Amino acid sequence: MEPNLLQNEELEELAAIIPGWKIMSNHIEREFNFNNFIEAFSFMTKIALICEKHNHHPNWENVYSKVIIKLSTHDLGGITNLDQIIASEINDIF
C-alpha cells in the first residue's frame, strides 16, 4: 500500500474513525492501560506483528502497565492512511 497524507477534512473525520486516538499536528497517539506488565507486553507483541505486516512501525513506550503509541509516516511528514489503518487494527485488538 502506498501511504498518502491525510488532508484537513480527512483529519477532522479521523477522530470518529479511530476512537480513543488524539489527533496531533503530525502524528496520532493513544495511551493504553492494562492490569500489569505481562498484559501490556502481550499487547505490544500483537501490535508488533501488525506493524511488521504493514512495514510501518510506531514510536511507543511502555512503563509497567501503560503503553503509549504514536503513529506518523515520517517519510511524508505527517499522518497518512496507513497510520489510520494501523490505529484501527490496534483498536480492534484492544
Protein backbone atom coordinates (compact mmCIF):
# COMPACT_ATOMS: atom_id res chain seq x y z
CA MET A 1 0.00 0.00 0.00
CA GLU A 2 1.23 3.44 -0.92
CA PRO A 3 0.70 5.83 2.02
CA ASN A 4 -0.95 9.17 1.30
CA LEU A 5 -1.01 12.17 3.62
CA LEU A 6 -4.47 12.82 5.01
CA GLN A 7 -5.91 16.21 4.11
CA ASN A 8 -7.54 18.60 6.60
CA GLU A 9 -11.07 17.28 6.02
CA GLU A 10 -9.90 13.69 6.43
CA LEU A 11 -8.03 14.61 9.62
CA GLU A 12 -11.18 16.20 11.04
CA GLU A 13 -13.10 12.95 10.42
CA LEU A 14 -10.32 10.78 11.80
CA ALA A 15 -11.31 11.05 15.47
CA ALA A 16 -14.64 9.37 14.72
CA ILE A 17 -12.97 6.63 12.67
CA ILE A 18 -10.35 5.74 15.30
CA PRO A 19 -11.91 6.45 18.71
CA GLY A 20 -9.54 7.00 21.60
CA TRP A 21 -6.75 8.44 19.48
CA LYS A 22 -5.59 12.04 19.81
CA ILE A 23 -5.02 13.81 16.52
CA MET A 24 -1.87 15.91 16.84
CA SER A 25 -0.23 18.19 14.28
CA ASN A 26 1.98 15.50 12.72
CA HIS A 27 1.02 12.23 14.45
CA ILE A 28 -1.76 10.36 16.19
CA GLU A 29 -1.35 8.93 19.66
CA ARG A 30 -3.16 6.84 22.21
CA GLU A 31 -2.48 5.62 25.73
CA PHE A 32 -3.48 2.08 26.68
CA ASN A 33 -3.67 0.90 30.29
CA PHE A 34 -3.58 -2.69 31.48
CA ASN A 35 -3.66 -4.54 34.79
CA ASN A 36 0.02 -5.43 34.75
CA PHE A 37 3.24 -5.59 32.75
CA ILE A 38 2.50 -9.01 31.22
CA GLU A 39 -0.79 -7.79 29.71
CA ALA A 40 0.90 -4.64 28.39
CA PHE A 41 3.79 -6.58 26.88
CA SER A 42 1.44 -9.13 25.32
CA PHE A 43 -0.47 -6.27 23.69
CA MET A 44 2.78 -4.80 22.37
CA THR A 45 3.74 -8.15 20.86
CA LYS A 46 0.45 -8.32 18.95
CA ILE A 47 0.93 -4.75 17.74
CA ALA A 48 4.48 -5.52 16.62
CA LEU A 49 3.14 -8.24 14.32
CA ILE A 50 0.61 -5.86 12.78
CA CYS A 51 3.23 -3.19 12.24
CA GLU A 52 5.67 -5.62 10.68
CA LYS A 53 2.94 -6.84 8.31
CA HIS A 54 2.49 -3.26 7.09
CA ASN A 55 6.23 -2.45 7.31
CA HIS A 56 5.25 0.63 9.31
CA HIS A 57 6.48 0.93 12.87
CA PRO A 58 5.29 3.15 15.74
CA ASN A 59 7.06 5.29 18.24
CA TRP A 60 5.98 3.79 21.52
CA GLU A 61 6.83 3.48 25.14
CA ASN A 62 5.94 1.10 27.92
CA VAL A 63 6.08 1.73 31.65
CA TYR A 64 4.77 -1.21 33.66
CA SER A 65 1.08 -1.42 32.71
CA LYS A 66 0.90 1.58 30.37
CA VAL A 67 1.65 1.65 26.64
CA ILE A 68 1.72 4.88 24.63
CA ILE A 69 1.69 4.56 20.85
CA LYS A 70 2.42 7.36 18.39
CA LEU A 71 1.87 6.82 14.67
CA SER A 72 3.20 9.02 11.89
CA THR A 73 4.58 8.48 8.42
CA HIS A 74 7.92 10.19 8.82
CA ASP A 75 8.84 9.92 5.13
CA LEU A 76 5.81 12.02 4.23
CA GLY A 77 5.95 14.28 7.27
CA GLY A 78 2.57 13.58 8.82
CA ILE A 79 -0.48 11.39 9.27
CA THR A 80 -1.38 9.04 6.42
CA ASN A 81 -3.98 6.48 5.51
CA LEU A 82 -1.51 3.81 6.69
CA ASP A 83 -1.44 5.33 10.18
CA GLN A 84 -5.25 5.27 10.15
CA ILE A 85 -5.34 1.60 9.14
CA ILE A 86 -2.86 0.55 11.81
CA ALA A 87 -4.67 2.57 14.50
CA SER A 88 -7.92 0.82 13.53
CA GLU A 89 -6.29 -2.58 13.75
CA ILE A 90 -4.81 -1.68 17.15
CA ASN A 91 -8.24 -0.61 18.37
CA ASP A 92 -9.67 -3.96 17.21
CA ILE A 93 -7.10 -5.82 19.32
CA PHE A 94 -7.57 -3.63 22.38
